[in-house]
C-alpha atoms as a PDB file:
ATOM      1  CA  MET A   1     -56.876  24.851 -14.415  1.00  0.00           C
ATOM      2  CA  LYS A   2     -53.190  24.341 -14.786  1.00  0.00           C
ATOM      3  CA  ARG A   3     -51.444  21.130 -14.167  1.00  0.00           C
ATOM      4  CA  VAL A   4     -47.868  20.759 -12.972  1.00  0.00           C
ATOM      5  CA  VAL A   5     -45.950  18.156 -15.082  1.00  0.00           C
ATOM      6  CA  ALA A   6     -42.982  16.266 -13.588  1.00  0.00           C
ATOM      7  CA  THR A   7     -41.192  13.051 -14.406  1.00  0.00           C
ATOM      8  CA  LYS A   8     -38.228  11.046 -13.081  1.00  0.00           C
ATOM      9  CA  SER A   9     -37.384  10.402 -16.690  1.00  0.00           C
ATOM     10  CA  ALA A  10     -36.039  13.966 -16.996  1.00  0.00           C
ATOM     11  CA  ALA A  11     -33.337  15.649 -14.855  1.00  0.00           C
ATOM     12  CA  ALA A  12     -34.545  16.993 -11.625  1.00  0.00           C
ATOM     13  CA  MET A  13     -34.804  20.750 -11.091  1.00  0.00           C
ATOM     14  CA  TYR A  14     -32.437  22.128  -8.442  1.00  0.00           C
ATOM     15  CA  ASN A  15     -34.122  25.492  -8.175  1.00  0.00           C
ATOM     16  CA  PRO A  16     -37.767  26.162  -6.848  1.00  0.00           C
ATOM     17  CA  VAL A  17     -39.640  25.679 -10.189  1.00  0.00           C
ATOM     18  CA  SER A  18     -41.667  23.002 -11.853  1.00  0.00           C
ATOM     19  CA  GLN A  19     -40.243  20.961 -14.692  1.00  0.00           C
ATOM     20  CA  ALA A  20     -43.252  22.000 -16.746  1.00  0.00           C
ATOM     21  CA  THR A  21     -46.732  23.361 -16.386  1.00  0.00           C
ATOM     22  CA  LEU A  22     -49.712  22.448 -18.763  1.00  0.00           C
ATOM     23  CA  ALA A  23     -52.002  25.359 -19.054  1.00  0.00           C
ATOM     24  CA  ARG A  24     -55.865  25.084 -19.742  1.00  0.00           C
ATOM     25  CA  ASN A  25     -55.413  26.044 -23.279  1.00  0.00           C
ATOM     26  CA  GLY A  26     -53.022  23.002 -23.827  1.00  0.00           C
ATOM     27  CA  MET A  27     -49.886  25.145 -23.998  1.00  0.00           C
ATOM     28  CA  LEU A  28     -46.954  23.377 -22.198  1.00  0.00           C
ATOM     29  CA  TYR A  29     -44.534  25.690 -20.396  1.00  0.00           C
ATOM     30  CA  THR A  30     -41.194  24.030 -19.617  1.00  0.00           C
ATOM     31  CA  ALA A  31     -38.342  25.208 -17.385  1.00  0.00           C
ATOM     32  CA  GLY A  32     -34.821  25.372 -18.848  1.00  0.00           C
ATOM     33  CA  MET A  33     -33.717  21.977 -19.855  1.00  0.00           C
ATOM     34  CA  ILE A  34     -29.977  21.144 -19.483  1.00  0.00           C
ATOM     35  CA  GLY A  35     -27.772  18.205 -20.287  1.00  0.00           C
ATOM     36  CA  ARG A  36     -28.056  16.665 -16.843  1.00  0.00           C
ATOM     37  CA  SER A  37     -28.582  12.819 -16.479  1.00  0.00           C
ATOM     38  CA  PRO A  38     -31.759  11.951 -14.678  1.00  0.00           C
ATOM     39  CA  GLU A  39     -30.118   8.794 -13.388  1.00  0.00           C
ATOM     40  CA  THR A  40     -26.896  10.368 -11.884  1.00  0.00           C
ATOM     41  CA  GLY A  41     -27.834  14.066 -11.641  1.00  0.00           C
ATOM     42  CA  GLN A  42     -24.467  14.846 -13.218  1.00  0.00           C
ATOM     43  CA  MET A  43     -23.873  17.027 -16.302  1.00  0.00           C
ATOM     44  CA  LEU A  44     -22.612  15.101 -19.274  1.00  0.00           C
ATOM     45  CA  GLU A  45     -19.184  15.813 -20.435  1.00  0.00           C
ATOM     46  CA  THR A  46     -19.288  17.038 -24.068  1.00  0.00           C
ATOM     47  CA  PHE A  47     -21.486  19.633 -25.646  1.00  0.00           C
ATOM     48  CA  ASP A  48     -22.967  17.187 -27.993  1.00  0.00           C
ATOM     49  CA  ASP A  49     -23.878  14.764 -25.191  1.00  0.00           C
ATOM     50  CA  GLN A  50     -25.362  17.680 -23.179  1.00  0.00           C
ATOM     51  CA  ALA A  51     -27.480  18.807 -26.124  1.00  0.00           C
ATOM     52  CA  HIS A  52     -28.791  15.346 -26.861  1.00  0.00           C
ATOM     53  CA  GLN A  53     -29.603  14.771 -23.058  1.00  0.00           C
ATOM     54  CA  ALA A  54     -31.386  18.099 -22.766  1.00  0.00           C
ATOM     55  CA  LEU A  55     -33.600  17.110 -25.827  1.00  0.00           C
ATOM     56  CA  ARG A  56     -34.189  13.667 -24.241  1.00  0.00           C
ATOM     57  CA  ASN A  57     -35.234  15.433 -20.979  1.00  0.00           C
ATOM     58  CA  LEU A  58     -37.630  17.670 -22.880  1.00  0.00           C
ATOM     59  CA  GLY A  59     -39.099  14.649 -24.770  1.00  0.00           C
ATOM     60  CA  ALA A  60     -39.720  12.901 -21.424  1.00  0.00           C
ATOM     61  CA  LEU A  61     -41.639  15.924 -20.270  1.00  0.00           C
ATOM     62  CA  LEU A  62     -43.677  16.058 -23.513  1.00  0.00           C
ATOM     63  CA  HIS A  63     -44.563  12.405 -23.076  1.00  0.00           C
ATOM     64  CA  GLU A  64     -45.519  12.879 -19.442  1.00  0.00           C
ATOM     65  CA  ALA A  65     -47.825  15.756 -20.525  1.00  0.00           C
ATOM     66  CA  GLY A  66     -49.544  13.467 -23.055  1.00  0.00           C
ATOM     67  CA  GLY A  67     -47.695  14.873 -26.147  1.00  0.00           C
ATOM     68  CA  SER A  68     -44.717  14.336 -28.331  1.00  0.00           C
ATOM     69  CA  TYR A  69     -42.349  16.180 -30.536  1.00  0.00           C
ATOM     70  CA  ALA A  70     -44.963  15.825 -33.333  1.00  0.00           C
ATOM     71  CA  ASP A  71     -47.258  18.194 -31.387  1.00  0.00           C
END
């Protein structure tokens, strides 16, 4: 059985998709992460800030699913 994974620690999705889905086999499928702040909902200004925020958003989803970047 699959499990939808969502967290307020990552930017909300504005299209009709889940932030992530955890499959029975343990594979985590994520939606496209972008450099949007979860607090404000706004895109960050610079490319570097957006890239770092996208990775923080991804890390929050990994954590919510019970994993980490080490996995």
